[in-house]
């Protein structure tokens, strides 16, 4: 048994350096159109997500797994806590 953890997804030998834009989805929420167009700095929009609930990580709209926010230096980052099953990542 190896101490090395398995990477997320298949091997892409030769493509490792291609930059991919990722997105972290906190969760959905609802807002009336009238409130949405009247938004100003300082307004708060409630979401369905709860504090401590994992967020979703995706690349090009493909779900990759669940993450939690962490601080890395002075930046906000995310830590992978659950990788998508192969069927989830393939949209199935």
Foldseek 3Di string as FASTA:
>chain_A
DDPDDDDQDDDDPPCVPPDFDKDKAQAAFDDDPVCVVVDDPPDDGDGPHDPPDWIFMDTPPFTFATWDWDDDPPDIDTDGDTTDDPCSRVVD
